[in-house]
Amino acid sequence: MLLAALASRSVLIVNAGDDAIFALRIGHAAQSDWGDDLLGMTGVIDVSRGRTIRVRFDPATCAYDLQATYRNGTVVIKRDVNLCAVERVDFKDQ
């Protein structure tokens, strides 16, 4: 079976919440599993800050879910984000 070539692009992730984002994961919208943490072991997005993340995705299916985990334990999921077109995604923990 031949796998589709992955595309990659930069997306600005903005923390509009009240606590720092400690983990950011993406997963294909049609599946229930999440990829590795895109922020890494030392990555954090502080309150009122943004960070440009390089994401890899299948351009044949652009719809992905993004999951942010805040220091306070809150998990926020943005569903069906079009990674083929989006340039910015804002997360708010409240």
PDB file of N, CA and C in Angstrom:
ATOM      1  N   MET A   1       0.842  -1.164   0.000  1.00  0.00           N
ATOM      2  CA  MET A   1       0.000   0.000   0.000  1.00  0.00           C
ATOM      3  C   MET A   1       0.897   1.240   0.000  1.00  0.00           C
ATOM      4  N   LEU A   2       0.603   2.192  -0.845  1.00  0.00           N
ATOM      5  CA  LEU A   2       1.356   3.429  -0.961  1.00  0.00           C
ATOM      6  C   LEU A   2       0.716   4.499  -0.095  1.00  0.00           C
ATOM      7  N   LEU A   3       1.512   5.089   0.805  1.00  0.00           N
ATOM      8  CA  LEU A   3       0.994   6.137   1.679  1.00  0.00           C
ATOM      9  C   LEU A   3       1.132   7.488   1.000  1.00  0.00           C
ATOM     10  N   ALA A   4       0.178   8.367   1.234  1.00  0.00           N
ATOM     11  CA  ALA A   4       0.210   9.715   0.675  1.00  0.00           C
ATOM     12  C   ALA A   4       1.352  10.502   1.312  1.00  0.00           C
ATOM     13  N   ALA A   5       1.974  11.355   0.521  1.00  0.00           N
ATOM     14  CA  ALA A   5       3.035  12.204   1.045  1.00  0.00           C
ATOM     15  C   ALA A   5       2.436  13.236   1.989  1.00  0.00           C
ATOM     16  N   LEU A   6       3.097  13.453   3.099  1.00  0.00           N
ATOM     17  CA  LEU A   6       2.611  14.432   4.056  1.00  0.00           C
ATOM     18  C   LEU A   6       3.068  15.828   3.652  1.00  0.00           C
ATOM     19  N   ALA A   7       2.218  16.788   3.912  1.00  0.00           N
ATOM     20  CA  ALA A   7       2.560  18.193   3.706  1.00  0.00           C
ATOM     21  C   ALA A   7       2.895  18.778   5.071  1.00  0.00           C
ATOM     22  N   SER A   8       3.539  19.925   5.071  1.00  0.00           N
ATOM     23  CA  SER A   8       3.773  20.605   6.335  1.00  0.00           C
ATOM     24  C   SER A   8       3.632  22.107   6.128  1.00  0.00           C
ATOM     25  N   ARG A   9       3.228  22.765   7.193  1.00  0.00           N
ATOM     26  CA  ARG A   9       3.086  24.217   7.149  1.00  0.00           C
ATOM     27  C   ARG A   9       3.116  24.750   8.561  1.00  0.00           C
ATOM     28  N   SER A  10       3.325  26.044   8.661  1.00  0.00           N
ATOM     29  CA  SER A  10       3.370  26.702   9.963  1.00  0.00           C
ATOM     30  C   SER A  10       1.998  27.249  10.328  1.00  0.00           C
ATOM     31  N   VAL A  11       1.625  27.057  11.588  1.00  0.00           N
ATOM     32  CA  VAL A  11       0.361  27.564  12.113  1.00  0.00           C
ATOM     33  C   VAL A  11       0.661  28.271  13.436  1.00  0.00           C
ATOM     34  N   LEU A  12       0.121  29.472  13.587  1.00  0.00           N
ATOM     35  CA  LEU A  12       0.286  30.219  14.832  1.00  0.00           C
ATOM     36  C   LEU A  12      -0.750  29.727  15.834  1.00  0.00           C
ATOM     37  N   ILE A  13      -0.284  29.249  16.982  1.00  0.00           N
ATOM     38  CA  ILE A  13      -1.161  28.819  18.065  1.00  0.00           C
ATOM     39  C   ILE A  13      -1.130  29.913  19.122  1.00  0.00           C
ATOM     40  N   VAL A  14      -2.295  30.474  19.435  1.00  0.00           N
ATOM     41  CA  VAL A  14      -2.391  31.589  20.373  1.00  0.00           C
ATOM     42  C   VAL A  14      -3.107  31.122  21.642  1.00  0.00           C
ATOM     43  N   ASN A  15      -2.516  31.451  22.780  1.00  0.00           N
ATOM     44  CA  ASN A  15      -3.114  31.121  24.063  1.00  0.00           C
ATOM     45  C   ASN A  15      -3.917  32.325  24.553  1.00  0.00           C
ATOM     46  N   ALA A  16      -5.240  32.261  24.397  1.00  0.00           N
ATOM     47  CA  ALA A  16      -6.142  33.315  24.856  1.00  0.00           C
ATOM     48  C   ALA A  16      -6.752  32.954  26.202  1.00  0.00           C
ATOM     49  N   GLY A  17      -6.169  31.946  26.851  1.00  0.00           N
ATOM     50  CA  GLY A  17      -6.695  31.477  28.127  1.00  0.00           C
ATOM     51  C   GLY A  17      -6.059  32.157  29.318  1.00  0.00           C
ATOM     52  N   ASP A  18      -6.337  31.602  30.508  1.00  0.00           N
ATOM     53  CA  ASP A  18      -5.873  32.164  31.769  1.00  0.00           C
ATOM     54  C   ASP A  18      -4.731  31.371  32.400  1.00  0.00           C
ATOM     55  N   ASP A  19      -4.212  30.383  31.693  1.00  0.00           N
ATOM     56  CA  ASP A  19      -3.116  29.567  32.203  1.00  0.00           C
ATOM     57  C   ASP A  19      -2.249  29.160  31.017  1.00  0.00           C
ATOM     58  N   ALA A  20      -1.053  28.688  31.276  1.00  0.00           N
ATOM     59  CA  ALA A  20      -0.134  28.303  30.212  1.00  0.00           C
ATOM     60  C   ALA A  20      -0.560  26.980  29.566  1.00  0.00           C
ATOM     61  N   ILE A  21      -0.324  26.877  28.261  1.00  0.00           N
ATOM     62  CA  ILE A  21      -0.544  25.618  27.540  1.00  0.00           C
ATOM     63  C   ILE A  21       0.749  24.816  27.638  1.00  0.00           C
ATOM     64  N   PHE A  22       0.644  23.593  28.134  1.00  0.00           N
ATOM     65  CA  PHE A  22       1.808  22.740  28.332  1.00  0.00           C
ATOM     66  C   PHE A  22       1.929  21.643  27.290  1.00  0.00           C
ATOM     67  N   ALA A  23       0.855  21.332  26.578  1.00  0.00           N
ATOM     68  CA  ALA A  23       0.914  20.285  25.562  1.00  0.00           C
ATOM     69  C   ALA A  23      -0.027  20.645  24.421  1.00  0.00           C
ATOM     70  N   LEU A  24       0.388  20.295  23.213  1.00  0.00           N
ATOM     71  CA  LEU A  24      -0.422  20.521  22.022  1.00  0.00           C
ATOM     72  C   LEU A  24      -0.283  19.303  21.125  1.00  0.00           C
ATOM     73  N   ARG A  25      -1.415  18.718  20.768  1.00  0.00           N
ATOM     74  CA  ARG A  25      -1.407  17.515  19.926  1.00  0.00           C
ATOM     75  C   ARG A  25      -2.394  17.687  18.774  1.00  0.00           C
ATOM     76  N   ILE A  26      -2.112  16.998  17.675  1.00  0.00           N
ATOM     77  CA  ILE A  26      -3.079  16.955  16.583  1.00  0.00           C
ATOM     78  C   ILE A  26      -3.439  15.504  16.309  1.00  0.00           C
ATOM     79  N   GLY A  27      -4.632  15.339  15.790  1.00  0.00           N
ATOM     80  CA  GLY A  27      -5.113  14.021  15.399  1.00  0.00           C
ATOM     81  C   GLY A  27      -6.046  14.172  14.220  1.00  0.00           C
ATOM     82  N   HIS A  28      -6.066  13.184  13.364  1.00  0.00           N
ATOM     83  CA  HIS A  28      -6.961  13.211  12.215  1.00  0.00           C
ATOM     84  C   HIS A  28      -8.400  13.225  12.710  1.00  0.00           C
ATOM     85  N   ALA A  29      -9.217  14.091  12.152  1.00  0.00           N
ATOM     86  CA  ALA A  29     -10.595  14.264  12.625  1.00  0.00           C
ATOM     87  C   ALA A  29     -11.408  12.976  12.552  1.00  0.00           C
ATOM     88  N   ALA A  30     -11.073  12.083  11.639  1.00  0.00           N
ATOM     89  CA  ALA A  30     -11.835  10.848  11.468  1.00  0.00           C
ATOM     90  C   ALA A  30     -11.348   9.728  12.388  1.00  0.00           C
ATOM     91  N   GLN A  31     -10.308   9.984  13.172  1.00  0.00           N
ATOM     92  CA  GLN A  31      -9.751   8.964  14.052  1.00  0.00           C
ATOM     93  C   GLN A  31      -9.792   9.464  15.494  1.00  0.00           C
ATOM     94  N   SER A  32      -9.559   8.567  16.429  1.00  0.00           N
ATOM     95  CA  SER A  32      -9.663   8.956  17.831  1.00  0.00           C
ATOM     96  C   SER A  32      -8.316   9.041  18.540  1.00  0.00           C
ATOM     97  N   ASP A  33      -7.206   8.901  17.820  1.00  0.00           N
ATOM     98  CA  ASP A  33      -5.910   8.951  18.491  1.00  0.00           C
ATOM     99  C   ASP A  33      -5.186  10.267  18.219  1.00  0.00           C
ATOM    100  N   TRP A  34      -4.291  10.618  19.145  1.00  0.00           N
ATOM    101  CA  TRP A  34      -3.559  11.879  19.080  1.00  0.00           C
ATOM    102  C   TRP A  34      -2.094  11.612  18.794  1.00  0.00           C
ATOM    103  N   GLY A  35      -1.467  12.548  18.105  1.00  0.00           N
ATOM    104  CA  GLY A  35      -0.039  12.461  17.838  1.00  0.00           C
ATOM    105  C   GLY A  35       0.769  12.902  19.050  1.00  0.00           C
ATOM    106  N   ASP A  36       2.083  12.957  18.866  1.00  0.00           N
ATOM    107  CA  ASP A  36       2.991  13.385  19.921  1.00  0.00           C
ATOM    108  C   ASP A  36       2.780  14.858  20.262  1.00  0.00           C
ATOM    109  N   ASP A  37       3.241  15.250  21.434  1.00  0.00           N
ATOM    110  CA  ASP A  37       3.165  16.635  21.872  1.00  0.00           C
ATOM    111  C   ASP A  37       4.046  17.500  20.971  1.00  0.00           C
ATOM    112  N   LEU A  38       3.442  18.488  20.316  1.00  0.00           N
ATOM    113  CA  LEU A  38       4.168  19.351  19.393  1.00  0.00           C
ATOM    114  C   LEU A  38       4.998  20.421  20.098  1.00  0.00           C
ATOM    115  N   LEU A  39       4.766  20.629  21.385  1.00  0.00           N
ATOM    116  CA  LEU A  39       5.537  21.626  22.133  1.00  0.00           C
ATOM    117  C   LEU A  39       6.820  21.040  22.702  1.00  0.00           C
ATOM    118  N   GLY A  40       6.895  19.729  22.804  1.00  0.00           N
ATOM    119  CA  GLY A  40       8.086  19.097  23.351  1.00  0.00           C
ATOM    120  C   GLY A  40       8.140  19.187  24.868  1.00  0.00           C
ATOM    121  N   MET A  41       9.208  18.640  25.423  1.00  0.00           N
ATOM    122  CA  MET A  41       9.353  18.565  26.884  1.00  0.00           C
ATOM    123  C   MET A  41       9.488  19.931  27.541  1.00  0.00           C
ATOM    124  N   THR A  42      10.055  20.901  26.869  1.00  0.00           N
ATOM    125  CA  THR A  42      10.288  22.203  27.491  1.00  0.00           C
ATOM    126  C   THR A  42       9.423  23.300  26.897  1.00  0.00           C
ATOM    127  N   GLY A  43       8.560  22.957  25.965  1.00  0.00           N
ATOM    128  CA  GLY A  43       7.736  23.961  25.303  1.00  0.00           C
ATOM    129  C   GLY A  43       6.501  24.327  26.100  1.00  0.00           C
ATOM    130  N   VAL A  44       6.201  25.607  26.137  1.00  0.00           N
ATOM    131  CA  VAL A  44       5.030  26.136  26.815  1.00  0.00           C
ATOM    132  C   VAL A  44       4.564  27.341  26.013  1.00  0.00           C
ATOM    133  N   ILE A  45       3.252  27.558  25.968  1.00  0.00           N
ATOM    134  CA  ILE A  45       2.731  28.800  25.396  1.00  0.00           C
ATOM    135  C   ILE A  45       2.089  29.569  26.545  1.00  0.00           C
ATOM    136  N   ASP A  46       2.756  30.636  26.948  1.00  0.00           N
ATOM    137  CA  ASP A  46       2.282  31.434  28.080  1.00  0.00           C
ATOM    138  C   ASP A  46       0.985  32.172  27.738  1.00  0.00           C
ATOM    139  N   VAL A  47       0.314  32.653  28.775  1.00  0.00           N
ATOM    140  CA  VAL A  47      -0.921  33.422  28.633  1.00  0.00           C
ATOM    141  C   VAL A  47      -0.668  34.638  27.742  1.00  0.00           C
ATOM    142  N   SER A  48      -1.584  34.895  26.831  1.00  0.00           N
ATOM    143  CA  SER A  48      -1.526  36.028  25.895  1.00  0.00           C
ATOM    144  C   SER A  48      -0.336  35.973  24.946  1.00  0.00           C
ATOM    145  N   ARG A  49       0.192  34.793  24.726  1.00  0.00           N
ATOM    146  CA  ARG A  49       1.317  34.609  23.810  1.00  0.00           C
ATOM    147  C   ARG A  49       0.928  33.633  22.704  1.00  0.00           C
ATOM    148  N   GLY A  50       1.733  33.632  21.682  1.00  0.00           N
ATOM    149  CA  GLY A  50       1.538  32.694  20.589  1.00  0.00           C
ATOM    150  C   GLY A  50       2.842  32.000  20.264  1.00  0.00           C
ATOM    151  N   ARG A  51       2.732  30.904  19.578  1.00  0.00           N
ATOM    152  CA  ARG A  51       3.916  30.161  19.137  1.00  0.00           C
ATOM    153  C   ARG A  51       3.601  29.559  17.782  1.00  0.00           C
ATOM    154  N   THR A  52       4.525  29.721  16.855  1.00  0.00           N
ATOM    155  CA  THR A  52       4.357  29.130  15.535  1.00  0.00           C
ATOM    156  C   THR A  52       4.826  27.688  15.590  1.00  0.00           C
ATOM    157  N   ILE A  53       3.936  26.801  15.161  1.00  0.00           N
ATOM    158  CA  ILE A  53       4.189  25.366  15.194  1.00  0.00           C
ATOM    159  C   ILE A  53       4.213  24.839  13.768  1.00  0.00           C
ATOM    160  N   ARG A  54       5.144  23.989  13.453  1.00  0.00           N
ATOM    161  CA  ARG A  54       5.184  23.326  12.146  1.00  0.00           C
ATOM    162  C   ARG A  54       4.377  22.040  12.275  1.00  0.00           C
ATOM    163  N   VAL A  55       3.312  21.920  11.489  1.00  0.00           N
ATOM    164  CA  VAL A  55       2.457  20.734  11.540  1.00  0.00           C
ATOM    165  C   VAL A  55       2.589  19.946  10.248  1.00  0.00           C
ATOM    166  N   ARG A  56       2.535  18.635  10.387  1.00  0.00           N
ATOM    167  CA  ARG A  56       2.558  17.735   9.221  1.00  0.00           C
ATOM    168  C   ARG A  56       1.186  17.095   9.110  1.00  0.00           C
ATOM    169  N   PHE A  57       0.681  17.012   7.882  1.00  0.00           N
ATOM    170  CA  PHE A  57      -0.668  16.502   7.681  1.00  0.00           C
ATOM    171  C   PHE A  57      -0.802  15.934   6.276  1.00  0.00           C
ATOM    172  N   ASP A  58      -1.852  15.176   6.078  1.00  0.00           N
ATOM    173  CA  ASP A  58      -2.178  14.610   4.775  1.00  0.00           C
ATOM    174  C   ASP A  58      -3.003  15.637   4.009  1.00  0.00           C
ATOM    175  N   PRO A  59      -2.484  16.195   2.901  1.00  0.00           N
ATOM    176  CA  PRO A  59      -3.222  17.220   2.172  1.00  0.00           C
ATOM    177  C   PRO A  59      -4.477  16.694   1.473  1.00  0.00           C
ATOM    178  N   ALA A  60      -4.624  15.387   1.384  1.00  0.00           N
ATOM    179  CA  ALA A  60      -5.835  14.822   0.786  1.00  0.00           C
ATOM    180  C   ALA A  60      -7.014  14.908   1.757  1.00  0.00           C
ATOM    181  N   THR A  61      -6.716  14.994   3.040  1.00  0.00           N
ATOM    182  CA  THR A  61      -7.741  15.146   4.071  1.00  0.00           C
ATOM    183  C   THR A  61      -7.280  16.228   5.022  1.00  0.00           C
ATOM    184  N   CYS A  62      -7.753  17.407   4.867  1.00  0.00           N
ATOM    185  CA  CYS A  62      -7.238  18.574   5.603  1.00  0.00           C
ATOM    186  C   CYS A  62      -7.823  18.739   6.996  1.00  0.00           C
ATOM    187  N   ALA A  63      -8.889  18.031   7.325  1.00  0.00           N
ATOM    188  CA  ALA A  63      -9.581  18.216   8.605  1.00  0.00           C
ATOM    189  C   ALA A  63      -8.875  17.458   9.728  1.00  0.00           C
ATOM    190  N   TYR A  64      -8.401  18.210  10.717  1.00  0.00           N
ATOM    191  CA  TYR A  64      -7.727  17.647  11.881  1.00  0.00           C
ATOM    192  C   TYR A  64      -8.281  18.278  13.142  1.00  0.00           C
ATOM    193  N   ASP A  65      -8.148  17.554  14.247  1.00  0.00           N
ATOM    194  CA  ASP A  65      -8.502  18.082  15.562  1.00  0.00           C
ATOM    195  C   ASP A  65      -7.214  18.514  16.255  1.00  0.00           C
ATOM    196  N   LEU A  66      -7.274  19.614  16.989  1.00  0.00           N
ATOM    197  CA  LEU A  66      -6.139  20.093  17.776  1.00  0.00           C
ATOM    198  C   LEU A  66      -6.534  20.085  19.238  1.00  0.00           C
ATOM    199  N   GLN A  67      -5.635  19.598  20.088  1.00  0.00           N
ATOM    200  CA  GLN A  67      -5.898  19.469  21.518  1.00  0.00           C
ATOM    201  C   GLN A  67      -4.835  20.221  22.307  1.00  0.00           C
ATOM    202  N   ALA A  68      -5.251  21.173  23.122  1.00  0.00           N
ATOM    203  CA  ALA A  68      -4.348  21.909  24.010  1.00  0.00           C
ATOM    204  C   ALA A  68      -4.618  21.482  25.443  1.00  0.00           C
ATOM    205  N   THR A  69      -3.553  21.218  26.195  1.00  0.00           N
ATOM    206  CA  THR A  69      -3.663  20.880  27.604  1.00  0.00           C
ATOM    207  C   THR A  69      -3.009  21.999  28.411  1.00  0.00           C
ATOM    208  N   TYR A  70      -3.782  22.567  29.311  1.00  0.00           N
ATOM    209  CA  TYR A  70      -3.318  23.670  30.150  1.00  0.00           C
ATOM    210  C   TYR A  70      -2.679  23.151  31.433  1.00  0.00           C
ATOM    211  N   ARG A  71      -1.862  23.994  32.052  1.00  0.00           N
ATOM    212  CA  ARG A  71      -1.185  23.634  33.308  1.00  0.00           C
ATOM    213  C   ARG A  71      -2.191  23.219  34.372  1.00  0.00           C
ATOM    214  N   ASN A  72      -3.387  23.852  34.389  1.00  0.00           N
ATOM    215  CA  ASN A  72      -4.397  23.539  35.399  1.00  0.00           C
ATOM    216  C   ASN A  72      -5.155  22.240  35.105  1.00  0.00           C
ATOM    217  N   GLY A  73      -4.781  21.554  34.031  1.00  0.00           N
ATOM    218  CA  GLY A  73      -5.404  20.273  33.686  1.00  0.00           C
ATOM    219  C   GLY A  73      -6.537  20.365  32.683  1.00  0.00           C
ATOM    220  N   THR A  74      -6.992  21.560  32.374  1.00  0.00           N
ATOM    221  CA  THR A  74      -8.057  21.741  31.393  1.00  0.00           C
ATOM    222  C   THR A  74      -7.572  21.311  30.012  1.00  0.00           C
ATOM    223  N   VAL A  75      -8.407  20.559  29.306  1.00  0.00           N
ATOM    224  CA  VAL A  75      -8.109  20.138  27.942  1.00  0.00           C
ATOM    225  C   VAL A  75      -9.138  20.777  27.024  1.00  0.00           C
ATOM    226  N   VAL A  76      -8.662  21.458  25.990  1.00  0.00           N
ATOM    227  CA  VAL A  76      -9.535  22.109  25.016  1.00  0.00           C
ATOM    228  C   VAL A  76      -9.251  21.507  23.653  1.00  0.00           C
ATOM    229  N   ILE A  77     -10.318  21.111  22.955  1.00  0.00           N
ATOM    230  CA  ILE A  77     -10.170  20.506  21.630  1.00  0.00           C
ATOM    231  C   ILE A  77     -10.866  21.378  20.595  1.00  0.00           C
ATOM    232  N   LYS A  78     -10.140  21.708  19.546  1.00  0.00           N
ATOM    233  CA  LYS A  78     -10.707  22.404  18.381  1.00  0.00           C
ATOM    234  C   LYS A  78     -10.927  21.325  17.324  1.00  0.00           C
ATOM    235  N   ARG A  79     -12.171  21.151  16.922  1.00  0.00           N
ATOM    236  CA  ARG A  79     -12.539  20.078  15.983  1.00  0.00           C
ATOM    237  C   ARG A  79     -12.524  20.566  14.538  1.00  0.00           C
ATOM    238  N   ASP A  80     -12.158  19.656  13.641  1.00  0.00           N
ATOM    239  CA  ASP A  80     -12.225  19.867  12.189  1.00  0.00           C
ATOM    240  C   ASP A  80     -11.514  21.131  11.720  1.00  0.00           C
ATOM    241  N   VAL A  81     -10.301  21.343  12.209  1.00  0.00           N
ATOM    242  CA  VAL A  81      -9.496  22.482  11.772  1.00  0.00           C
ATOM    243  C   VAL A  81      -8.918  22.147  10.393  1.00  0.00           C
ATOM    244  N   ASN A  82      -9.090  23.051   9.440  1.00  0.00           N
ATOM    245  CA  ASN A  82      -8.596  22.839   8.083  1.00  0.00           C
ATOM    246  C   ASN A  82      -7.123  23.221   8.015  1.00  0.00           C
ATOM    247  N   LEU A  83      -6.239  22.230   8.190  1.00  0.00           N
ATOM    248  CA  LEU A  83      -4.808  22.512   8.198  1.00  0.00           C
ATOM    249  C   LEU A  83      -4.274  22.901   6.820  1.00  0.00           C
ATOM    250  N   CYS A  84      -5.053  22.697   5.776  1.00  0.00           N
ATOM    251  CA  CYS A  84      -4.633  23.133   4.439  1.00  0.00           C
ATOM    252  C   CYS A  84      -4.758  24.650   4.288  1.00  0.00           C
ATOM    253  N   ALA A  85      -5.556  25.291   5.127  1.00  0.00           N
ATOM    254  CA  ALA A  85      -5.842  26.718   4.947  1.00  0.00           C
ATOM    255  C   ALA A  85      -5.609  27.586   6.181  1.00  0.00           C
ATOM    256  N   VAL A  86      -5.746  27.032   7.374  1.00  0.00           N
ATOM    257  CA  VAL A  86      -5.689  27.840   8.590  1.00  0.00           C
ATOM    258  C   VAL A  86      -4.284  28.409   8.811  1.00  0.00           C
ATOM    259  N   GLU A  87      -4.227  29.622   9.320  1.00  0.00           N
ATOM    260  CA  GLU A  87      -2.951  30.242   9.655  1.00  0.00           C
ATOM    261  C   GLU A  87      -2.808  30.485  11.148  1.00  0.00           C
ATOM    262  N   ARG A  88      -3.942  30.509  11.852  1.00  0.00           N
ATOM    263  CA  ARG A  88      -3.935  30.824  13.286  1.00  0.00           C
ATOM    264  C   ARG A  88      -5.067  30.045  13.967  1.00  0.00           C
ATOM    265  N   VAL A  89      -4.771  29.531  15.164  1.00  0.00           N
ATOM    266  CA  VAL A  89      -5.774  28.869  15.990  1.00  0.00           C
ATOM    267  C   VAL A  89      -5.639  29.426  17.404  1.00  0.00           C
ATOM    268  N   ASP A  90      -6.747  29.938  17.936  1.00  0.00           N
ATOM    269  CA  ASP A  90      -6.763  30.494  19.287  1.00  0.00           C
ATOM    270  C   ASP A  90      -7.392  29.489  20.246  1.00  0.00           C
ATOM    271  N   PHE A  91      -6.747  29.298  21.393  1.00  0.00           N
ATOM    272  CA  PHE A  91      -7.275  28.431  22.434  1.00  0.00           C
ATOM    273  C   PHE A  91      -7.593  29.264  23.668  1.00  0.00           C
ATOM    274  N   LYS A  92      -8.726  28.936  24.312  1.00  0.00           N
ATOM    275  CA  LYS A  92      -9.131  29.595  25.555  1.00  0.00           C
ATOM    276  C   LYS A  92      -9.592  28.502  26.510  1.00  0.00           C
ATOM    277  N   ASP A  93      -9.075  28.521  27.724  1.00  0.00           N
ATOM    278  CA  ASP A  93      -9.370  27.435  28.679  1.00  0.00           C
ATOM    279  C   ASP A  93     -10.637  27.647  29.481  1.00  0.00           C
ATOM    280  N   GLN A  94     -11.378  28.706  29.238  1.00  0.00           N
ATOM    281  CA  GLN A  94     -12.602  28.941  29.998  1.00  0.00           C
ATOM    282  C   GLN A  94     -13.759  29.165  29.076  1.00  0.00           C
TER     283      GLN A  94
END
